[in-house]
């Protein structure tokens, strides 16, 4: 594998975390759902399918039937392919150093994102779920200035096994409480490294697995959902058309880091950064259905407690319009605001085959210097 491919796409083993400026100030998500991203990633108060395992495990208690989802997902910023082609052309130039310098200078201040491969499966039943995600590789790439134009890469390679369980309380009361927890084991490889143009030219093995940071963590998420049943009397009459539900999730509750190292990449490796304990709160309202459609509104504030959190980065809201023509033909349309930027998505399922698409804006700047990185995700899955 050539060095330009790794730098642009990070489709190789992670490298060492060395002295490097932050790629950007985005908040890395261990797990993402295209369905949630399309509606602004506001899903804590919804949590009504297999994705509840990672968004709000309390939602597993609300599942009406079982579901198996086997997925392959790819996500990236719209400019990643053009940038990788520029790097490839530079690697074939007669004067490679000049060509690399030209590419980095041309793209100074730009940011790129790729998440692929992301493959896994989830088996969810009413009250519990289990997921195995063998590979989830993501990369943030930025072009900055140090002593000269520099390409900086930050990447995560996660392998995850998770099990969730949920319970229902006060089922015979007007308001019902669901609580749940997800236990997860994650083995992570991590890279944060800067590369100058001369290093791209002179060292074919600048990115090497011998420099990897890696480790395993065992952690848990806990969540709660509080929902109101529909009533037609008194002050609760509004629940006939709004059907509200509110949720709370605490993710990475222990947050003790990737302490256990099995030295998969090499015998001497450091520890990846912690996942960070985060608090998510959200709510949703199921609105009256019409014809084959079922609309809902959702609002979340996510990632409270993360070192890069601001209210703008945490604020998510969206609407979803599910449609169901027959049991074998269904889907949904979504639109929302994610971190202040437009998001949109759609899905369609024919029998067992499902396609999901979404676009969203990721806030990669700071409160004083906001900056959007437009991203896209597509997922193919078997869902039955």
Protein backbone atom coordinates (compact mmCIF):
# COMPACT_ATOMS: atom_id res chain seq x y z
CA UNK A 1 0.00 0.00 0.00
CA UNK A 2 1.45 3.35 -1.03
CA UNK A 3 1.91 6.22 1.39
CA UNK A 4 -0.51 8.53 -0.46
CA UNK A 5 -3.30 5.99 -0.07
CA UNK A 6 -2.74 5.76 3.66
CA UNK A 7 -2.49 9.52 4.09
CA UNK A 8 -5.65 10.18 2.12
CA UNK A 9 -7.78 7.23 3.10
CA UNK A 10 -6.11 5.69 6.16
CA UNK A 11 -6.79 2.20 4.84
CA UNK A 12 -3.89 0.74 6.76
CA UNK A 13 -2.97 -0.02 10.35
CA UNK A 14 -2.87 3.01 12.67
CA UNK A 15 0.36 4.84 13.35
CA UNK A 16 1.83 6.52 16.41
CA UNK A 17 0.45 9.55 18.14
CA UNK A 18 3.27 12.05 17.84
CA UNK A 19 3.44 15.78 18.45
CA UNK A 20 0.75 17.21 16.19
CA UNK A 21 -1.76 20.01 16.25
CA UNK A 22 -5.41 18.97 16.50
CA UNK A 23 -6.91 18.10 13.14
CA UNK A 24 -10.03 20.02 14.09
CA UNK A 25 -12.36 20.35 17.05
CA UNK A 26 -15.02 17.86 15.99
CA UNK A 27 -16.44 15.39 18.52
CA UNK A 28 -15.70 11.82 17.45
CA UNK A 29 -18.66 9.45 17.71
CA UNK A 30 -17.97 5.79 18.41
CA UNK A 31 -21.18 4.76 16.60
CA UNK A 32 -23.42 6.60 14.13
CA UNK A 33 -26.71 5.72 12.43
CA UNK A 34 -27.63 7.16 9.00
CA UNK A 35 -31.26 7.24 10.10
CA UNK A 36 -30.37 9.41 13.11
CA UNK A 37 -27.93 11.60 11.15
CA UNK A 38 -30.63 12.47 8.62
CA UNK A 39 -32.80 13.93 11.39
CA UNK A 40 -29.99 15.97 12.89
CA UNK A 41 -28.67 13.01 14.93
CA UNK A 42 -31.50 13.63 17.40
CA UNK A 43 -32.29 10.08 18.49
CA UNK A 44 -31.97 9.86 22.29
CA UNK A 45 -35.69 10.40 22.78
CA UNK A 46 -36.65 8.23 19.78
CA UNK A 47 -34.55 5.06 20.22
CA UNK A 48 -37.14 2.75 18.67
CA UNK A 49 -34.99 0.35 16.61
CA UNK A 50 -31.73 -1.63 16.89
CA UNK A 51 -29.72 1.63 17.03
CA UNK A 52 -31.07 2.13 20.57
CA UNK A 53 -28.27 -0.17 21.75
CA UNK A 54 -25.78 2.70 21.28
CA UNK A 55 -28.01 5.81 21.38
CA UNK A 56 -30.23 5.01 24.38
CA UNK A 57 -30.43 1.39 25.59
CA UNK A 58 -33.71 2.10 27.41
CA UNK A 59 -35.35 2.12 24.00
CA UNK A 60 -34.81 -1.64 23.71
CA UNK A 61 -37.72 -2.07 26.13
CA UNK A 62 -40.06 -0.39 23.63
CA UNK A 63 -39.31 -2.70 20.69
CA UNK A 64 -42.39 -4.50 19.46
CA UNK A 65 -40.59 -7.24 17.52
CA UNK A 66 -37.14 -8.63 16.85
CA UNK A 67 -34.76 -7.27 14.23
CA UNK A 68 -31.47 -8.46 12.74
CA UNK A 69 -29.44 -5.86 10.85
CA UNK A 70 -26.25 -6.72 8.93
CA UNK A 71 -24.63 -3.58 7.53
CA UNK A 72 -21.81 -2.12 5.50
CA UNK A 73 -21.46 1.64 5.81
CA UNK A 74 -19.28 4.26 4.14
CA UNK A 75 -19.12 7.96 5.01
CA UNK A 76 -16.96 10.84 3.91
CA UNK A 77 -16.69 14.52 3.16
CA UNK A 78 -17.55 15.56 -0.37
CA UNK A 79 -13.98 16.65 -1.17
CA UNK A 80 -12.11 13.51 -0.03
CA UNK A 81 -12.00 11.83 -3.46
CA UNK A 82 -10.61 14.92 -5.21
CA UNK A 83 -7.93 15.34 -2.53
CA UNK A 84 -6.88 11.68 -2.71
CA UNK A 85 -6.58 11.98 -6.49
CA UNK A 86 -4.35 15.04 -6.09
CA UNK A 87 -2.07 13.09 -3.74
CA UNK A 88 -1.97 10.17 -6.15
CA UNK A 89 -0.96 12.42 -9.04
CA UNK A 90 1.77 14.00 -6.87
CA UNK A 91 3.16 10.55 -6.02
CA UNK A 92 3.66 9.90 -9.75
CA UNK A 93 5.21 13.28 -10.57
CA UNK A 94 8.86 13.62 -11.63
CA UNK A 95 9.54 16.19 -8.87
CA UNK A 96 7.50 14.64 -6.07
CA UNK A 97 8.49 17.07 -3.33
CA UNK A 98 7.42 20.08 -5.36
CA UNK A 99 4.21 18.30 -6.37
CA UNK A 100 3.38 17.41 -2.76
CA UNK A 101 4.12 20.97 -1.63
CA UNK A 102 1.82 22.30 -4.34
CA UNK A 103 -0.99 19.98 -3.25
CA UNK A 104 -0.62 20.88 0.44
CA UNK A 105 -0.38 24.63 -0.28
CA UNK A 106 -3.40 24.45 -2.57
CA UNK A 107 -5.44 22.74 0.14
CA UNK A 108 -4.12 24.71 3.12
CA UNK A 109 -6.80 25.04 5.79
CA UNK A 110 -8.95 22.27 4.31
CA UNK A 111 -10.32 19.31 6.22
CA UNK A 112 -11.30 15.87 4.98
CA UNK A 113 -13.15 12.95 6.50
CA UNK A 114 -13.55 9.26 5.69
CA UNK A 115 -15.26 6.41 7.54
CA UNK A 116 -14.76 3.07 5.81
CA UNK A 117 -14.91 0.17 6.22
CA UNK A 118 -17.67 0.12 8.81
CA UNK A 119 -19.19 -3.35 8.94
CA UNK A 120 -21.16 -5.15 11.62
CA UNK A 121 -24.35 -6.76 12.74
CA UNK A 122 -26.95 -6.21 15.46
CA UNK A 123 -29.56 -8.63 16.74
CA UNK A 124 -32.26 -6.86 18.74
CA UNK A 125 -35.27 -8.34 20.52
CA UNK A 126 -37.84 -6.68 22.80
CA UNK A 127 -35.82 -5.93 25.92
CA UNK A 128 -32.30 -6.79 24.74
CA UNK A 129 -29.79 -6.58 21.88
CA UNK A 130 -26.30 -7.74 20.95
CA UNK A 131 -23.94 -6.22 18.37
CA UNK A 132 -20.63 -7.25 16.82
CA UNK A 133 -18.78 -4.59 14.79
CA UNK A 134 -15.49 -6.12 13.61
CA UNK A 135 -14.22 -3.05 11.76
CA UNK A 136 -15.01 0.65 12.06
CA UNK A 137 -12.21 2.76 10.57
CA UNK A 138 -12.47 6.54 10.48
CA UNK A 139 -10.02 9.29 9.60
CA UNK A 140 -9.87 13.07 10.02
CA UNK A 141 -7.34 14.69 7.68
CA UNK A 142 -6.25 18.32 7.75
CA UNK A 143 -3.72 20.49 5.94
CA UNK A 144 -1.92 22.91 8.25
CA UNK A 145 1.25 24.99 8.52
CA UNK A 146 4.06 24.10 10.90
CA UNK A 147 7.57 24.70 9.47
CA UNK A 148 5.95 24.19 6.08
CA UNK A 149 2.73 22.76 4.67
CA UNK A 150 1.84 19.67 6.68
CA UNK A 151 -0.66 16.87 6.28
CA UNK A 152 -2.05 15.75 9.64
CA UNK A 153 -3.97 12.52 10.06
CA UNK A 154 -6.06 11.36 13.04
CA UNK A 155 -7.62 7.94 12.80
CA UNK A 156 -9.60 5.44 14.83
CA UNK A 157 -9.90 1.70 14.21
CA UNK A 158 -12.50 0.16 16.53
CA UNK A 159 -13.63 -3.41 17.03
CA UNK A 160 -16.71 -3.58 19.26
CA UNK A 161 -18.82 -6.21 21.00
CA UNK A 162 -21.85 -4.90 22.89
CA UNK A 163 -24.82 -6.29 24.80
CA UNK A 164 -27.79 -4.28 26.01
CA UNK A 165 -30.69 -5.00 28.37
CA UNK A 166 -33.74 -2.89 29.20
CA UNK A 167 -36.65 -3.00 31.64
CA UNK A 168 -40.07 -1.35 31.91
CA UNK A 169 -41.56 0.08 35.11
CA UNK A 170 -45.04 1.44 35.86
CA UNK A 171 -46.46 -0.20 32.71
CA UNK A 172 -50.01 0.19 34.03
CA UNK A 173 -49.61 3.91 34.79
CA UNK A 174 -50.32 6.93 32.53
CA UNK A 175 -46.56 7.53 32.29
CA UNK A 176 -44.18 4.62 31.70
CA UNK A 177 -40.51 4.46 32.63
CA UNK A 178 -37.98 2.40 30.67
CA UNK A 179 -34.37 1.98 31.79
CA UNK A 180 -31.54 0.17 30.10
CA UNK A 181 -27.81 -0.39 29.96
CA UNK A 182 -25.31 -1.37 27.28
CA UNK A 183 -22.07 -3.08 28.19
CA UNK A 184 -19.39 -2.81 25.52
CA UNK A 185 -15.88 -4.06 24.91
CA UNK A 186 -13.89 -1.96 22.43
CA UNK A 187 -10.41 -2.60 21.06
CA UNK A 188 -9.04 0.59 19.51
CA UNK A 189 -6.08 1.52 17.36
CA UNK A 190 -5.33 5.23 17.12
CA UNK A 191 -3.16 7.62 15.08
CA UNK A 192 -2.35 11.31 15.35
CA UNK A 193 0.59 12.21 13.16
CA UNK A 194 1.86 15.02 10.94
CA UNK A 195 3.64 14.52 7.62
CA UNK A 196 5.55 17.16 5.65
CA UNK A 197 6.05 17.08 1.90
CA UNK A 198 9.70 15.87 2.14
CA UNK A 199 8.63 13.06 4.46
CA UNK A 200 5.96 12.00 2.00
CA UNK A 201 8.65 11.80 -0.68
CA UNK A 202 11.54 10.27 1.23
CA UNK A 203 9.97 7.67 3.48
CA UNK A 204 7.68 5.06 1.96
CA UNK A 205 7.09 3.60 5.42
CA UNK A 206 6.48 6.78 7.37
CA UNK A 207 3.20 5.35 8.61
CA UNK A 208 4.07 2.02 10.23
CA UNK A 209 2.12 -0.38 12.46
CA UNK A 210 5.14 -0.57 14.77
CA UNK A 211 4.23 2.89 16.08
CA UNK A 212 0.58 2.12 16.86
CA UNK A 213 -1.31 3.23 19.93
CA UNK A 214 -3.81 0.58 20.95
CA UNK A 215 -5.79 -0.83 23.83
CA UNK A 216 -9.07 -2.31 25.00
CA UNK A 217 -11.69 -0.85 27.27
CA UNK A 218 -14.79 -2.30 28.89
CA UNK A 219 -17.41 0.31 29.63
CA UNK A 220 -21.15 0.86 29.81
CA UNK A 221 -23.89 3.28 28.77
CA UNK A 222 -27.03 3.74 30.85
CA UNK A 223 -30.25 5.29 29.65
CA UNK A 224 -33.82 6.11 30.55
CA UNK A 225 -36.99 6.84 28.58
CA UNK A 226 -40.12 8.38 30.07
CA UNK A 227 -43.20 8.19 27.86
CA UNK A 228 -46.84 9.19 28.24
CA UNK A 229 -49.76 7.10 27.08
CA UNK A 230 -52.52 8.74 25.06
CA UNK A 231 -55.42 10.09 27.14
CA UNK A 232 -58.55 11.93 26.10
CA UNK A 233 -59.45 13.56 29.39
CA UNK A 234 -58.33 16.53 31.47
CA UNK A 235 -54.95 18.11 31.12
CA UNK A 236 -53.55 15.03 29.38
CA UNK A 237 -55.83 15.31 26.33
CA UNK A 238 -52.96 16.75 24.29
CA UNK A 239 -51.19 13.35 24.45
CA UNK A 240 -53.67 12.04 21.88
CA UNK A 241 -51.87 13.92 19.14
CA UNK A 242 -48.38 14.57 20.52
CA UNK A 243 -47.44 11.24 22.21
CA UNK A 244 -44.33 12.67 23.93
CA UNK A 245 -41.26 10.83 25.15
CA UNK A 246 -38.09 12.13 26.83
CA UNK A 247 -34.77 10.38 27.25
CA UNK A 248 -31.45 10.59 29.04
CA UNK A 249 -28.25 8.68 28.32
CA UNK A 250 -24.90 8.62 30.09
CA UNK A 251 -22.28 7.17 27.75
CA UNK A 252 -18.91 5.73 28.77
CA UNK A 253 -19.91 5.90 32.40
CA UNK A 254 -16.63 4.45 33.76
CA UNK A 255 -14.33 6.22 31.27
CA UNK A 256 -11.18 4.57 32.54
CA UNK A 257 -9.45 4.45 29.18
CA UNK A 258 -7.92 1.73 27.02
CA UNK A 259 -5.80 0.12 29.72
CA UNK A 260 -5.66 -3.47 28.47
CA UNK A 261 -3.16 -3.85 25.61
CA UNK A 262 -2.89 -7.08 23.61
CA UNK A 263 -0.11 -5.73 21.33
CA UNK A 264 -1.82 -6.63 18.10
CA UNK A 265 0.16 -3.99 16.17
CA UNK A 266 3.46 -4.25 18.02
CA UNK A 267 4.94 -5.09 21.43
CA UNK A 268 5.46 -1.54 22.62
CA UNK A 269 2.46 0.72 22.17
CA UNK A 270 0.91 3.61 24.04
CA UNK A 271 -2.71 4.09 25.07
CA UNK A 272 -5.32 5.78 22.84
CA UNK A 273 -7.20 8.80 24.25
CA UNK A 274 -10.19 8.09 26.48
CA UNK A 275 -13.69 8.00 24.98
CA UNK A 276 -14.84 10.60 27.55
CA UNK A 277 -17.96 10.42 29.69
CA UNK A 278 -20.88 12.20 28.00
CA UNK A 279 -24.46 13.10 28.83
CA UNK A 280 -27.23 13.19 26.22
CA UNK A 281 -30.78 14.43 26.78
CA UNK A 282 -33.56 14.42 24.24
CA UNK A 283 -37.24 14.27 23.52
CA UNK A 284 -39.62 13.45 20.73
CA UNK A 285 -43.28 13.74 19.86
CA UNK A 286 -45.14 11.27 17.65
CA UNK A 287 -47.65 13.27 15.65
CA UNK A 288 -50.92 11.99 14.15
CA UNK A 289 -50.41 9.76 11.14
CA UNK A 290 -52.06 10.25 7.76
CA UNK A 291 -52.44 7.94 4.76
CA UNK A 292 -49.25 5.79 4.76
CA UNK A 293 -47.20 8.36 6.70
CA UNK A 294 -46.19 8.67 10.35
CA UNK A 295 -44.52 11.98 11.31
CA UNK A 296 -42.46 12.77 14.41
CA UNK A 297 -40.35 15.58 15.81
CA UNK A 298 -37.16 15.12 17.86
CA UNK A 299 -34.77 17.37 19.78
CA UNK A 300 -31.50 16.45 21.55
CA UNK A 301 -28.61 18.07 23.35
CA UNK A 302 -25.71 15.61 23.07
CA UNK A 303 -22.11 15.11 24.20
CA UNK A 304 -22.35 17.28 27.32
CA UNK A 305 -19.07 16.84 29.19
CA UNK A 306 -16.83 16.34 26.15
CA UNK A 307 -13.79 18.65 26.12
CA UNK A 308 -14.87 20.19 22.79
CA UNK A 309 -18.54 20.58 23.73
CA UNK A 310 -20.39 23.80 23.11
CA UNK A 311 -24.14 24.26 23.04
CA UNK A 312 -24.01 24.61 19.26
CA UNK A 313 -22.09 21.35 18.89
CA UNK A 314 -24.52 19.58 21.18
CA UNK A 315 -27.79 20.90 19.78
CA UNK A 316 -29.64 18.55 17.38
CA UNK A 317 -33.19 18.64 16.09
CA UNK A 318 -35.11 17.08 13.26
CA UNK A 319 -38.30 15.65 11.83
CA UNK A 320 -38.95 12.23 10.38
CA UNK A 321 -41.71 11.11 8.05
CA UNK A 322 -41.94 7.32 8.03
CA UNK A 323 -43.99 5.61 5.34
CA UNK A 324 -45.26 2.07 5.12
CA UNK A 325 -46.97 0.93 1.91
CA UNK A 326 -46.78 -2.78 2.72
CA UNK A 327 -44.77 -4.88 5.16
CA UNK A 328 -42.28 -5.47 2.32
CA UNK A 329 -42.04 -1.84 1.15
CA UNK A 330 -41.35 0.92 3.67
CA UNK A 331 -38.96 3.77 4.39
CA UNK A 332 -38.67 7.34 5.56
CA UNK A 333 -37.70 10.94 4.79
CA UNK A 334 -35.78 13.10 7.26
CA UNK A 335 -34.55 16.66 7.67
CA UNK A 336 -33.01 18.50 10.58
CA UNK A 337 -30.36 20.74 12.07
CA UNK A 338 -27.15 19.16 13.34
CA UNK A 339 -24.86 21.55 15.20
CA UNK A 340 -26.52 24.45 13.39
CA UNK A 341 -26.16 22.96 9.91
CA UNK A 342 -28.74 21.36 7.64
CA UNK A 343 -29.09 17.59 7.63
CA UNK A 344 -31.27 15.40 5.44
CA UNK A 345 -31.75 11.72 4.79
CA UNK A 346 -33.90 9.02 3.29
CA UNK A 347 -34.28 5.28 3.56
CA UNK A 348 -36.08 2.56 1.67
CA UNK A 349 -36.53 -1.11 2.48
CA UNK A 350 -37.71 -3.76 0.02
CA UNK A 351 -38.43 -7.03 1.85
CA UNK A 352 -35.10 -7.54 3.67
CA UNK A 353 -32.82 -5.22 1.69
CA UNK A 354 -32.44 -1.71 3.12
CA UNK A 355 -30.68 1.43 1.84
CA UNK A 356 -29.99 4.50 3.98
CA UNK A 357 -28.52 7.83 2.87
CA UNK A 358 -27.86 11.00 4.83
CA UNK A 359 -25.93 14.25 4.71
CA UNK A 360 -25.02 16.49 7.62
CA UNK A 361 -22.71 19.34 8.55
CA UNK A 362 -20.05 18.60 11.16
CA UNK A 363 -18.87 21.53 13.30
CA UNK A 364 -15.06 21.23 13.25
CA UNK A 365 -14.28 24.71 14.56
CA UNK A 366 -14.54 26.44 17.91
CA UNK A 367 -17.21 28.71 19.38
CA UNK A 368 -15.23 31.75 18.24
CA UNK A 369 -14.33 30.36 14.81
CA UNK A 370 -17.08 28.01 13.58
CA UNK A 371 -16.43 25.91 10.47
CA UNK A 372 -18.64 23.38 8.69
CA UNK A 373 -17.42 20.16 7.11
CA UNK A 374 -20.17 18.73 4.87
CA UNK A 375 -20.37 14.95 5.13
CA UNK A 376 -22.32 12.12 3.52
CA UNK A 377 -23.10 8.56 4.56
CA UNK A 378 -24.56 5.55 2.76
CA UNK A 379 -25.44 2.22 4.31
CA UNK A 380 -26.54 -1.04 2.73
CA UNK A 381 -27.95 -3.65 5.03
CA UNK A 382 -30.02 -6.76 5.36
CA UNK A 383 -32.72 -6.06 7.92
CA UNK A 384 -35.13 -8.79 8.93
